[in-house]
Each structure stands twice: as structure tokens, then as C-alpha cells.
Amino acid sequence: MSYFSIQNVSKSYDSQKALHDFSLNLDKGQFLAVVGESGSGKSTLLRIMAGLEVQDSGTVHLGQDEILNPKKKLVSGYNEIKLIHQDFHLYPNINVEENISRTLLHFEKEYAKNRVETLLRLLGLKEFRDRLPRQLSGGQQQKVAIAKALSVEPEILLLDEPFSSLDTIQKHKLITELKELFREMGTTVIFVTHDLDDALRLTDNLIILQKGKVVQKGNSQELCQHPKTRYIARLFSPINAIPDREFSYVRPADVKLRTKGEFLAHVVDSRFLVHFNSLQVRLKNSGQLWEVDDPLRKYQAGDRVYLSFEEGKVLVLKQ
């Protein structure tokens, strides 16, 4: 039996299906990212995993033990499974150290003291221990929320888009730091997000969720090179529809800029990005707008270009 398993879980709200027969098996210490747009059922899934939401059908198990939902358990939730939200859920009028220790009030005092000190050190919060939450940056507040969750040494950590309120620099730094910490502690982590880039900074083990259904699972290379739907393909980059070829698309990075070629186009816009110029071009015959990467930064708005691509790079997507 898997360490953490979800079998055929479904959930509806007012006859609207939020989750369709979701199943999952995870090993101890494994990381998983569930990626999907708003309303895809991600938060509902995490709440069911944590024993905080009543599912319509299916079961959740941690080892041999079933995770009971609020209908079956007087006090909902488990110390073994902790859910961390987008909003930090910190007590505003007590300091960092007190926020973390608050969850340990019923533990032996020496253990609680040592646990708080360990978490302050691991999360780089020792110098902020006496500050109130409002005196911290967003990234520091998120660290305190994670320290609170980790204080009871949970086996499973569920992250519900906890970095969405942070700026890009803060977010990338925090995810990198937490990845190493979770690895060191052997914590099993399930991270839900709408941002594929955030997911890939934590793990390459992906599930794509859309309208409550698993539409594809695998690693980033599998999903990028062999997406099953246009939605999955667009998570990785824009895709250009090939004229007169139904269901056929090509990515901007796979289009070649030539002095001669099959498709004549004019550059409409050129944007400077870190490793290339991103061009918007208009095809002469069809009038379609394409996104094209220009790694040599040769072209600007108004230039005439020819486009070509390898057949092996064409994506055939019927959905």
C-alpha cells in the first residue's frame, strides 16, 4: 500500500462537479505539484486530503489509516497532515516566536521550546523572533506560517498557492529554500498552483487538473513535448496555429527565421527578453499573428521574414 493514497474521490457543490474520481498514490518524502487554473478543484482536493472537507465518494489513507472527513470525526483535521493557505493565518498581536509556539501549548514544555528554536533556525527567523507579523515581509510571514504547520512534525504538507501574494524575487528565493528544507526533513509535499513556473521550481512531478478532472500527469518534458490538449500545451508557452492544417500547432521556439521559407511574414512587434527577442509577426497569406523567438536578436518591427519549422516539432492537438 502507498504511503499516502487517494482513491476515486469526487465532490460536487450544488450539482456542480468540483472533482471527478481523483486518485493518487505518493511515497514518503515525495513532492507533487498539482497545476490548474482557478476553479479547477485544487483547493477542494487539498481540503479533502487534510480531512477538512466532506467528499461525496472515495477515500484518503495515510499508511493503513483512513483520513476521516468532518462527518466521521468530531474534531476535523490531523496533526499528521497540515494545510497552508494563501493567506498566512497568523495571530496579528503576538510575535513570531509566540505564533509558532501557540500550536505546541499541549506539548511537553522542553520539547516545545526546542522545537520552536529548531524551526526558527531552519527557516532563518531567529533575528525576527520578537517581531509582530505586520513588521515582516510577505516572504517572512509565509515562513512563519510554514513554521507553525511544521511545529507538530506533520508527515504531509499541503500547500494551497501559498506564494501567490509574493513578488517574483521573494517567491523564487523562498521556494528554493523550502525545497531544501522539506528534503532535509523528509516531508511529503503536495503543492497546488496555477503557475507552472512555481511548480517546476519545487518538483518535476506534475498533475494537470482542469474542471475537476486529471487531464495529464508526468514530468515537464513529457507534458511539454507530448501535451494531450491545447490547454496543457499553453501552460508551457504560446502555440501558433499552422494555416490550412487542422489541429496543428508549433511553439515560438520551434519556428525558424529564414531569408527564404514557406511562410512570408512581417514583424509587428519585437520585445527584448533575457535570452532572445520575442517577435510578434503577421503571416502574409492568412493574416494570422504568430509568436516567434529570435535568439540572434536580428529582427525589429517592420522587417520582412520567412518562417519554417521541422515536422517533428509540430503538435497535433484535437482538444
Foldseek 3Di string as FASTA:
>chain_A
DAQKKWFQWWADDPNQTQAGGDIDGDHFLAEEEEAEDPSLNQVVVLCVQFQADDTPDTWIDRVPRTQHHVVVDVDGGDLQEEEQEQDLPFDQPFFLLCRQLVLVPVPDPVLSVVLSVVLCVLLVNPVRRRPGLVVDDLLVSNSSSVSSSPSSPHQEYEYHQNCVVPDPVSLLVSLLSVLVVSNVSRHYYYYYDNQVVSRVSNHQWYFYGGSNYGQDTDGPVCCCQAPAALVSVPSVHDWADDPPDPQKTAGQAQKDWDPDADWKWFWAAWDDDDQFIWTWIATDPPRDTDTHTGRVNPDGGGDMTYIDGDPSRMHRYPD
